[in-house]
Protein backbone atom coordinates (compact mmCIF):
# COMPACT_ATOMS: atom_id res chain seq x y z
CA UNK A 1 0.00 0.00 0.00
CA UNK A 2 1.29 3.49 -0.77
CA UNK A 3 2.66 5.28 2.28
CA UNK A 4 1.57 8.80 3.06
CA UNK A 5 4.31 11.27 3.95
CA UNK A 6 2.40 12.35 7.05
CA UNK A 7 1.94 8.84 8.34
CA UNK A 8 5.17 7.07 7.46
CA UNK A 9 7.40 9.59 9.24
CA UNK A 10 5.03 11.47 11.47
CA UNK A 11 6.35 12.26 14.92
CA UNK A 12 4.00 13.38 17.63
CA UNK A 13 5.08 16.65 19.20
CA UNK A 14 3.51 17.05 22.65
CA UNK A 15 1.02 14.35 21.59
CA UNK A 16 -0.05 16.25 18.46
CA UNK A 17 0.69 14.67 15.08
CA UNK A 18 2.49 16.72 12.46
CA UNK A 19 0.72 17.44 9.19
CA UNK A 20 1.96 17.70 5.62
CA UNK A 21 4.76 20.26 5.46
CA UNK A 22 6.57 22.01 2.60
CA UNK A 23 9.94 20.76 1.37
CA UNK A 24 13.12 22.25 2.82
CA UNK A 25 16.82 21.49 3.10
CA UNK A 26 19.23 21.26 6.01
CA UNK A 27 22.78 20.38 6.94
CA UNK A 28 23.44 18.37 10.09
CA UNK A 29 26.59 17.18 11.83
CA UNK A 30 28.89 17.81 14.78
CA UNK A 31 30.61 21.09 15.53
CA UNK A 32 33.57 20.38 13.22
CA UNK A 33 32.16 18.24 10.42
CA UNK A 34 29.06 19.15 8.44
CA UNK A 35 27.37 16.41 6.43
CA UNK A 36 24.97 17.74 3.76
CA UNK A 37 21.50 16.24 3.70
CA UNK A 38 19.29 16.38 0.61
CA UNK A 39 16.13 18.43 0.84
CA UNK A 40 14.10 17.23 3.86
CA UNK A 41 10.44 17.87 4.41
CA UNK A 42 10.86 19.24 7.92
CA UNK A 43 13.38 19.65 10.73
CA UNK A 44 12.22 19.19 14.32
CA UNK A 45 14.55 20.93 16.75
CA UNK A 46 15.08 19.93 20.36
CA UNK A 47 12.78 17.94 22.58
CA UNK A 48 12.90 14.55 24.23
CA UNK A 49 12.69 11.54 21.89
CA UNK A 50 11.04 8.38 23.22
CA UNK A 51 13.16 5.27 22.69
CA UNK A 52 10.69 2.36 22.64
CA UNK A 53 13.51 -0.21 22.81
CA UNK A 54 14.75 1.03 26.19
CA UNK A 55 11.63 2.78 27.45
CA UNK A 56 13.57 6.00 28.03
CA UNK A 57 13.36 9.61 26.88
CA UNK A 58 16.50 10.93 25.17
CA UNK A 59 17.17 14.61 24.42
CA UNK A 60 17.99 15.29 20.77
CA UNK A 61 19.34 18.24 18.82
CA UNK A 62 17.10 17.63 15.83
CA UNK A 63 15.15 15.12 13.79
CA UNK A 64 15.53 15.56 10.03
CA UNK A 65 12.77 14.20 7.81
CA UNK A 66 13.44 13.84 4.10
CA UNK A 67 10.55 13.00 1.81
CA UNK A 68 8.69 10.12 3.45
CA UNK A 69 11.55 8.90 5.67
CA UNK A 70 13.27 9.98 8.87
CA UNK A 71 16.73 10.76 7.50
CA UNK A 72 18.63 11.48 10.70
CA UNK A 73 18.29 11.89 14.45
CA UNK A 74 20.99 14.33 15.55
CA UNK A 75 22.13 13.64 19.15
CA UNK A 76 22.07 16.36 21.77
CA UNK A 77 25.21 18.45 21.70
CA UNK A 78 25.84 18.18 17.98
CA UNK A 79 25.30 21.23 15.81
CA UNK A 80 22.54 21.64 13.27
CA UNK A 81 22.85 24.30 10.57
CA UNK A 82 19.47 25.11 9.04
CA UNK A 83 19.40 27.25 5.90
CA UNK A 84 16.88 30.05 5.53
CA UNK A 85 13.50 28.90 4.27
CA UNK A 86 13.61 25.52 5.98
CA UNK A 87 10.39 24.48 7.72
CA UNK A 88 11.24 24.07 11.40
CA UNK A 89 9.20 22.78 14.32
CA UNK A 90 10.43 23.84 17.76
CA UNK A 91 10.06 20.91 20.15
CA UNK A 92 12.00 22.32 23.10
CA UNK A 93 10.17 21.46 26.30
CA UNK A 94 8.11 18.85 24.47
CA UNK A 95 8.46 15.20 23.58
CA UNK A 96 8.55 13.19 20.36
CA UNK A 97 7.12 9.72 19.86
CA UNK A 98 6.49 7.65 16.72
CA UNK A 99 3.02 7.95 15.24
CA UNK A 100 0.60 5.59 17.00
CA UNK A 101 -1.35 2.77 15.33
CA UNK A 102 -4.95 1.97 16.24
CA UNK A 103 -5.05 -1.70 15.21
CA UNK A 104 -8.78 -2.29 15.85
CA UNK A 105 -11.29 0.01 14.20
CA UNK A 106 -14.57 -0.57 12.32
CA UNK A 107 -14.85 2.69 10.45
CA UNK A 108 -17.76 1.95 8.14
CA UNK A 109 -20.48 0.66 10.44
CA UNK A 110 -19.38 2.80 13.40
CA UNK A 111 -19.61 5.95 11.28
CA UNK A 112 -22.91 4.73 9.89
CA UNK A 113 -24.35 4.07 13.34
CA UNK A 114 -23.16 7.42 14.70
CA UNK A 115 -24.31 9.27 11.57
CA UNK A 116 -21.00 11.07 11.07
CA UNK A 117 -18.71 11.31 8.06
CA UNK A 118 -15.03 10.55 7.56
CA UNK A 119 -14.01 14.20 7.31
CA UNK A 120 -15.47 14.74 10.81
CA UNK A 121 -13.70 11.85 12.55
CA UNK A 122 -10.42 11.13 10.75
CA UNK A 123 -8.66 14.42 11.70
CA UNK A 124 -9.32 13.59 15.36
CA UNK A 125 -7.11 10.51 15.08
CA UNK A 126 -4.22 12.65 13.85
CA UNK A 127 -4.85 15.23 16.56
CA UNK A 128 -4.37 12.48 19.15
CA UNK A 129 -1.21 11.10 17.56
CA UNK A 130 -2.80 8.15 15.73
CA UNK A 131 -1.30 8.15 12.24
CA UNK A 132 -2.31 4.65 11.09
CA UNK A 133 -5.58 2.73 11.35
CA UNK A 134 -6.23 -0.98 10.78
CA UNK A 135 -9.84 -1.80 10.04
CA UNK A 136 -10.82 -5.27 11.27
CA UNK A 137 -14.05 -5.99 9.45
CA UNK A 138 -16.38 -3.82 7.39
CA UNK A 139 -18.49 -3.65 4.25
CA UNK A 140 -15.80 -3.64 1.60
CA UNK A 141 -17.16 -1.13 -0.94
CA UNK A 142 -17.74 1.60 1.65
CA UNK A 143 -14.43 0.73 3.30
CA UNK A 144 -12.62 1.21 -0.01
CA UNK A 145 -14.28 4.61 -0.41
CA UNK A 146 -12.93 5.63 3.00
CA UNK A 147 -9.48 4.45 1.92
CA UNK A 148 -9.72 6.58 -1.22
CA UNK A 149 -10.72 9.56 0.92
CA UNK A 150 -7.67 9.03 3.16
CA UNK A 151 -5.45 8.69 0.07
CA UNK A 152 -6.73 12.01 -1.24
CA UNK A 153 -6.41 13.85 2.10
CA UNK A 154 -3.16 12.76 3.79
CA UNK A 155 -2.98 16.09 5.59
CA UNK A 156 -6.11 15.29 7.59
CA UNK A 157 -6.47 11.49 7.56
CA UNK A 158 -4.37 8.60 8.91
CA UNK A 159 -3.10 5.83 6.69
CA UNK A 160 -5.71 3.06 6.54
CA UNK A 161 -5.16 -0.69 6.21
CA UNK A 162 -8.26 -2.43 4.84
CA UNK A 163 -9.88 -5.62 6.12
CA UNK A 164 -12.17 -8.18 4.56
CA UNK A 165 -15.79 -8.40 5.52
CA UNK A 166 -16.33 -10.58 8.60
CA UNK A 167 -16.04 -14.21 7.50
CA UNK A 168 -18.82 -15.94 9.42
CA UNK A 169 -21.15 -18.90 9.45
CA UNK A 170 -24.66 -18.90 8.02
CA UNK A 171 -26.61 -16.94 9.18
CA UNK A 172 -23.88 -14.44 10.13
CA UNK A 173 -23.96 -12.57 13.43
CA UNK A 174 -23.58 -9.14 11.75
CA UNK A 175 -25.29 -9.45 8.38
CA UNK A 176 -24.41 -5.97 7.06
CA UNK A 177 -20.66 -6.46 7.30
CA UNK A 178 -20.32 -10.26 6.99
CA UNK A 179 -19.76 -12.85 4.30
CA UNK A 180 -21.08 -16.33 5.24
CA UNK A 181 -18.85 -19.25 4.22
CA UNK A 182 -19.52 -22.82 5.32
CA UNK A 183 -17.62 -24.66 2.58
CA UNK A 184 -13.78 -24.42 2.64
CA UNK A 185 -13.77 -24.82 -1.15
CA UNK A 186 -15.28 -21.32 -1.45
CA UNK A 187 -12.46 -19.68 0.48
CA UNK A 188 -9.84 -19.20 -2.31
CA UNK A 189 -12.24 -17.25 -4.53
CA UNK A 190 -13.32 -15.06 -1.61
CA UNK A 191 -9.72 -14.35 -0.64
CA UNK A 192 -8.88 -13.48 -4.25
CA UNK A 193 -11.79 -11.05 -4.42
CA UNK A 194 -10.81 -9.33 -1.18
CA UNK A 195 -7.18 -9.07 -2.26
CA UNK A 196 -8.47 -7.38 -5.40
CA UNK A 197 -10.08 -4.74 -3.19
CA UNK A 198 -6.72 -4.13 -1.52
CA UNK A 199 -7.33 -5.69 1.90
CA UNK A 200 -4.42 -6.56 4.17
CA UNK A 201 -6.30 -8.26 7.04
CA UNK A 202 -8.81 -11.12 6.95
CA UNK A 203 -11.20 -11.44 9.89
CA UNK A 204 -12.73 -14.82 10.80
CA UNK A 205 -15.73 -14.44 13.08
CA UNK A 206 -17.82 -16.19 15.72
CA UNK A 207 -19.72 -18.69 13.55
CA UNK A 208 -16.78 -20.05 11.57
CA UNK A 209 -16.06 -23.76 11.83
CA UNK A 210 -12.42 -24.82 12.00
CA UNK A 211 -12.08 -26.22 8.43
CA UNK A 212 -13.13 -22.86 6.98
CA UNK A 213 -10.90 -21.00 9.43
CA UNK A 214 -7.91 -23.10 8.45
CA UNK A 215 -8.60 -22.50 4.76
CA UNK A 216 -8.78 -18.72 5.33
CA UNK A 217 -5.48 -18.74 7.24
CA UNK A 218 -3.72 -20.79 4.58
CA UNK A 219 -5.01 -18.78 1.63
CA UNK A 220 -4.40 -15.39 3.28
CA UNK A 221 -0.90 -16.27 4.42
CA UNK A 222 -0.06 -17.61 0.97
CA UNK A 223 -0.73 -14.09 -0.35
CA UNK A 224 1.25 -12.37 2.42
CA UNK A 225 -1.84 -11.12 4.27
CA UNK A 226 -2.74 -11.06 7.98
CA UNK A 227 -5.49 -12.98 9.74
CA UNK A 228 -7.25 -11.90 12.91
CA UNK A 229 -10.20 -13.52 14.63
CA UNK A 230 -13.13 -13.16 17.02
CA UNK A 231 -13.99 -16.80 17.54
CA UNK A 232 -16.91 -18.68 19.04
CA UNK A 233 -16.83 -22.24 17.67
CA UNK A 234 -13.08 -22.77 17.99
CA UNK A 235 -11.49 -24.25 21.07
CA UNK A 236 -8.67 -22.08 22.46
CA UNK A 237 -6.19 -24.87 21.75
CA UNK A 238 -7.25 -25.16 18.10
CA UNK A 239 -7.13 -21.39 17.66
CA UNK A 240 -3.57 -21.22 18.97
CA UNK A 241 -2.51 -24.15 16.78
CA UNK A 242 -4.05 -22.69 13.63
C-alpha cells in the first residue's frame, strides 16, 4: 500500500501529530564536520525523543525528515545548521514519539451508526497522535471509499489498512458487514476477491467452523496477508494451533 508522507514519518510533538509540510533542506553534523543532507520535508529541533527499545526519553538536537523517511536523528550536543527557508518545528520542552497505530477500528459501520462522516472523525485521530488505522471488518465497498478519501487527504487522515468483511457462518452474526462461508472450497475465490479490493487483514468471526478458518489462514498467508479472529466455535487450543 502506498505510504503517506504524514503517516510514514510522522512524529507526535507534545502528543499532536504533524501534518503535511513544505519541502526544505538542512545540513546536520557535529561542531567540526558538516554532512549535507538532501532536501528534507521538515526539521524538528530539540525535545525529548522516546526510545521504545529502552523505554527512556533521550534529548535530541534535531530530527531531520526527508521526503517520506526519517533521514537522521541528531544527538544532543551536535550542531545543526538550518538554511533560511527551511520548515522548522520547535520541540524544546516537548516530547517526540512515533506515530501511534490503532489496530482495531470498524470505520464503516461505526460511522454509519453514529451518523458522522469521515471528514469529521479522521482528523481527530491525527490530533491524538494516531497516524495509522487498521480496520478489522467492514463492508468492503464503503471501506474502499474511506481508503480513497484518506489517500486524497493525507494532511487530515491517517493511513488506513483495509480488512475483509467478517467471514462468518450462516446466518452471520452481523449481516451488514459479513460474508457467510460454510464450505472451505469457497475460500480461495473469496480471498482473491478481497485481495483485489486491496485488503491486508482477513477477519474470521464467531460462527466459523475450523475447516473454513484453516482455509482462510492458509489462503491469506499464501498471499502475504494477515489474519485476525473473534472466535466462538473454535477451542482455544485449536485457535492457537491454527
